[in-house]
Amino acid sequence: MLKTSDLRLKDVVDLRDGRRLGLINDLEVDLESGRVRAVVVPGSARLLGLFGRDNDYVIPWEHIKVFGVDCILVELTS
């Protein structure tokens, strides 16, 4: 079983290019079915955070490929 607190401690890595996207910040949950629909990873900071952030990565649950010990491997679409 995987706890949400465990999810927040794992790096999210894109399988296509090996890029580290960050840590999970939020989950999108379908309240009717009780299923997680997507995970949300905040976008990277622009110029030391002074000019905000890029758009968040909303990664559908189906695009998560592996839950590893240290990281979560995902496959982002273009």
N, C-alpha and C. Protein backbone atom coordinates (compact mmCIF):
# COMPACT_ATOMS: atom_id res chain seq x y z
N MET A 1 0.84 -1.17 0.00
CA MET A 1 0.00 0.00 0.00
C MET A 1 0.89 1.24 0.00
N LEU A 2 0.43 2.28 -0.67
CA LEU A 2 1.19 3.52 -0.81
C LEU A 2 0.41 4.65 -0.15
N LYS A 3 1.04 5.34 0.78
CA LYS A 3 0.39 6.47 1.46
C LYS A 3 0.69 7.76 0.72
N THR A 4 -0.21 8.73 0.83
CA THR A 4 0.02 10.03 0.16
C THR A 4 1.26 10.71 0.72
N SER A 5 1.54 10.51 1.99
CA SER A 5 2.75 11.12 2.55
C SER A 5 4.01 10.53 1.91
N ASP A 6 3.96 9.26 1.51
CA ASP A 6 5.09 8.64 0.80
C ASP A 6 5.24 9.22 -0.60
N LEU A 7 4.12 9.51 -1.25
CA LEU A 7 4.16 10.07 -2.60
C LEU A 7 4.88 11.42 -2.62
N ARG A 8 4.67 12.22 -1.61
CA ARG A 8 5.22 13.57 -1.57
C ARG A 8 6.74 13.59 -1.40
N LEU A 9 7.33 12.47 -1.03
CA LEU A 9 8.77 12.41 -0.79
C LEU A 9 9.56 11.86 -1.97
N LYS A 10 8.86 11.44 -3.03
CA LYS A 10 9.54 10.81 -4.17
C LYS A 10 9.66 11.79 -5.33
N ASP A 11 10.82 11.82 -5.96
CA ASP A 11 11.01 12.63 -7.17
C ASP A 11 10.19 12.05 -8.30
N VAL A 12 9.63 12.92 -9.12
CA VAL A 12 8.91 12.50 -10.32
C VAL A 12 9.84 12.72 -11.51
N VAL A 13 10.08 11.66 -12.29
CA VAL A 13 11.02 11.70 -13.40
C VAL A 13 10.31 11.29 -14.69
N ASP A 14 10.52 12.07 -15.76
CA ASP A 14 9.95 11.77 -17.07
C ASP A 14 10.80 10.71 -17.76
N LEU A 15 10.18 9.62 -18.17
CA LEU A 15 10.89 8.52 -18.82
C LEU A 15 11.46 8.91 -20.19
N ARG A 16 10.81 9.84 -20.88
CA ARG A 16 11.25 10.19 -22.23
C ARG A 16 12.65 10.78 -22.25
N ASP A 17 12.94 11.69 -21.30
CA ASP A 17 14.24 12.38 -21.34
C ASP A 17 15.01 12.32 -20.02
N GLY A 18 14.47 11.65 -19.02
CA GLY A 18 15.16 11.52 -17.74
C GLY A 18 15.14 12.77 -16.89
N ARG A 19 14.31 13.74 -17.27
CA ARG A 19 14.25 15.02 -16.56
C ARG A 19 13.48 14.88 -15.25
N ARG A 20 14.05 15.46 -14.19
CA ARG A 20 13.39 15.50 -12.90
C ARG A 20 12.36 16.62 -12.93
N LEU A 21 11.09 16.27 -12.69
CA LEU A 21 10.01 17.26 -12.74
C LEU A 21 9.78 17.92 -11.39
N GLY A 22 10.08 17.22 -10.31
CA GLY A 22 9.88 17.75 -8.98
C GLY A 22 9.17 16.75 -8.08
N LEU A 23 8.56 17.27 -7.03
CA LEU A 23 7.84 16.44 -6.06
C LEU A 23 6.34 16.66 -6.22
N ILE A 24 5.57 15.63 -5.92
CA ILE A 24 4.11 15.75 -6.01
C ILE A 24 3.62 16.73 -4.96
N ASN A 25 2.78 17.64 -5.41
CA ASN A 25 2.24 18.67 -4.55
C ASN A 25 0.78 18.40 -4.20
N ASP A 26 0.05 17.78 -5.13
CA ASP A 26 -1.39 17.62 -4.96
C ASP A 26 -1.87 16.42 -5.74
N LEU A 27 -3.07 15.97 -5.42
CA LEU A 27 -3.72 14.88 -6.13
C LEU A 27 -5.08 15.36 -6.62
N GLU A 28 -5.50 14.88 -7.79
CA GLU A 28 -6.86 15.11 -8.26
C GLU A 28 -7.61 13.81 -8.05
N VAL A 29 -8.69 13.88 -7.26
CA VAL A 29 -9.44 12.69 -6.89
C VAL A 29 -10.87 12.80 -7.40
N ASP A 30 -11.38 11.72 -7.99
CA ASP A 30 -12.78 11.64 -8.38
C ASP A 30 -13.55 11.22 -7.13
N LEU A 31 -14.33 12.13 -6.59
CA LEU A 31 -15.01 11.86 -5.32
C LEU A 31 -16.10 10.80 -5.46
N GLU A 32 -16.70 10.67 -6.63
CA GLU A 32 -17.75 9.67 -6.81
C GLU A 32 -17.19 8.26 -6.77
N SER A 33 -16.06 8.04 -7.44
CA SER A 33 -15.50 6.69 -7.50
C SER A 33 -14.43 6.46 -6.43
N GLY A 34 -13.91 7.56 -5.84
CA GLY A 34 -12.86 7.43 -4.84
C GLY A 34 -11.50 7.11 -5.43
N ARG A 35 -11.32 7.37 -6.74
CA ARG A 35 -10.07 7.04 -7.42
C ARG A 35 -9.25 8.30 -7.68
N VAL A 36 -7.94 8.13 -7.65
CA VAL A 36 -7.04 9.23 -8.00
C VAL A 36 -7.03 9.35 -9.51
N ARG A 37 -7.30 10.54 -10.02
CA ARG A 37 -7.31 10.79 -11.46
C ARG A 37 -5.96 11.28 -11.97
N ALA A 38 -5.27 12.09 -11.16
CA ALA A 38 -4.00 12.67 -11.61
C ALA A 38 -3.19 13.13 -10.40
N VAL A 39 -1.90 13.30 -10.63
CA VAL A 39 -1.01 13.91 -9.63
C VAL A 39 -0.56 15.25 -10.19
N VAL A 40 -0.30 16.19 -9.30
CA VAL A 40 0.10 17.53 -9.71
C VAL A 40 1.50 17.81 -9.17
N VAL A 41 2.40 18.21 -10.08
CA VAL A 41 3.76 18.59 -9.73
C VAL A 41 3.91 20.06 -10.10
N PRO A 42 4.31 20.92 -9.15
CA PRO A 42 4.45 22.34 -9.48
C PRO A 42 5.49 22.57 -10.57
N GLY A 43 5.23 23.57 -11.41
CA GLY A 43 6.18 23.94 -12.45
C GLY A 43 7.44 24.53 -11.84
N SER A 44 8.49 24.60 -12.62
CA SER A 44 9.76 25.12 -12.10
C SER A 44 9.68 26.64 -11.94
N ALA A 45 10.46 27.15 -10.98
CA ALA A 45 10.49 28.59 -10.71
C ALA A 45 11.26 29.31 -11.81
N ARG A 46 10.78 30.49 -12.14
CA ARG A 46 11.47 31.31 -13.15
C ARG A 46 12.31 32.37 -12.45
N LEU A 47 13.57 32.45 -12.79
CA LEU A 47 14.51 33.42 -12.26
C LEU A 47 14.41 33.54 -10.74
N LEU A 48 14.80 32.45 -10.07
CA LEU A 48 14.84 32.37 -8.61
C LEU A 48 13.49 32.61 -7.95
N GLY A 49 12.41 32.37 -8.69
CA GLY A 49 11.07 32.52 -8.13
C GLY A 49 10.55 33.94 -8.15
N LEU A 50 11.33 34.88 -8.64
CA LEU A 50 10.89 36.28 -8.66
C LEU A 50 9.81 36.55 -9.69
N PHE A 51 9.79 35.75 -10.75
CA PHE A 51 8.81 35.95 -11.82
C PHE A 51 7.81 34.81 -11.89
N GLY A 52 7.49 34.24 -10.75
CA GLY A 52 6.48 33.18 -10.70
C GLY A 52 7.03 31.82 -11.10
N ARG A 53 6.11 30.98 -11.53
CA ARG A 53 6.44 29.60 -11.89
C ARG A 53 5.87 29.29 -13.26
N ASP A 54 6.45 28.25 -13.87
CA ASP A 54 5.87 27.71 -15.10
C ASP A 54 4.58 26.99 -14.72
N ASN A 55 3.82 26.59 -15.71
CA ASN A 55 2.57 25.86 -15.46
C ASN A 55 2.86 24.55 -14.73
N ASP A 56 1.92 24.16 -13.88
CA ASP A 56 2.05 22.89 -13.17
C ASP A 56 1.94 21.72 -14.14
N TYR A 57 2.56 20.62 -13.78
CA TYR A 57 2.41 19.38 -14.53
C TYR A 57 1.25 18.62 -13.91
N VAL A 58 0.19 18.40 -14.67
CA VAL A 58 -0.93 17.56 -14.22
C VAL A 58 -0.77 16.25 -14.97
N ILE A 59 -0.39 15.22 -14.23
CA ILE A 59 -0.03 13.94 -14.83
C ILE A 59 -1.14 12.93 -14.55
N PRO A 60 -1.88 12.52 -15.61
CA PRO A 60 -2.94 11.52 -15.41
C PRO A 60 -2.37 10.23 -14.80
N TRP A 61 -3.18 9.60 -13.98
CA TRP A 61 -2.76 8.38 -13.28
C TRP A 61 -2.28 7.32 -14.26
N GLU A 62 -2.89 7.26 -15.45
CA GLU A 62 -2.51 6.25 -16.45
C GLU A 62 -1.10 6.46 -16.99
N HIS A 63 -0.55 7.67 -16.83
CA HIS A 63 0.79 7.97 -17.35
C HIS A 63 1.89 7.65 -16.34
N ILE A 64 1.50 7.24 -15.15
CA ILE A 64 2.49 6.81 -14.16
C ILE A 64 2.84 5.37 -14.48
N LYS A 65 4.13 5.13 -14.71
CA LYS A 65 4.58 3.81 -15.15
C LYS A 65 5.14 2.96 -14.01
N VAL A 66 5.93 3.56 -13.11
CA VAL A 66 6.58 2.79 -12.05
C VAL A 66 6.66 3.63 -10.77
N PHE A 67 6.33 3.01 -9.66
CA PHE A 67 6.58 3.59 -8.34
C PHE A 67 7.83 2.93 -7.80
N GLY A 68 8.95 3.63 -7.86
CA GLY A 68 10.20 3.08 -7.37
C GLY A 68 10.42 3.43 -5.92
N VAL A 69 11.54 3.00 -5.38
CA VAL A 69 11.89 3.27 -3.99
C VAL A 69 12.14 4.76 -3.78
N ASP A 70 12.87 5.38 -4.72
CA ASP A 70 13.25 6.79 -4.60
C ASP A 70 12.50 7.72 -5.53
N CYS A 71 11.89 7.19 -6.59
CA CYS A 71 11.27 8.07 -7.55
C CYS A 71 10.03 7.42 -8.18
N ILE A 72 9.28 8.26 -8.88
CA ILE A 72 8.11 7.82 -9.62
C ILE A 72 8.40 8.12 -11.09
N LEU A 73 8.32 7.11 -11.93
CA LEU A 73 8.59 7.28 -13.36
C LEU A 73 7.28 7.50 -14.09
N VAL A 74 7.23 8.58 -14.87
CA VAL A 74 6.03 8.93 -15.62
C VAL A 74 6.39 9.12 -17.09
N GLU A 75 5.39 9.07 -17.93
CA GLU A 75 5.59 9.33 -19.35
C GLU A 75 4.67 10.48 -19.73
N LEU A 76 5.26 11.67 -19.87
CA LEU A 76 4.50 12.85 -20.23
C LEU A 76 4.18 12.84 -21.71
N THR A 77 3.06 13.44 -22.07
CA THR A 77 2.74 13.62 -23.48
C THR A 77 3.17 15.02 -23.88
N SER A 78 3.41 15.22 -25.13
CA SER A 78 3.88 16.52 -25.62
C SER A 78 2.87 17.62 -25.42
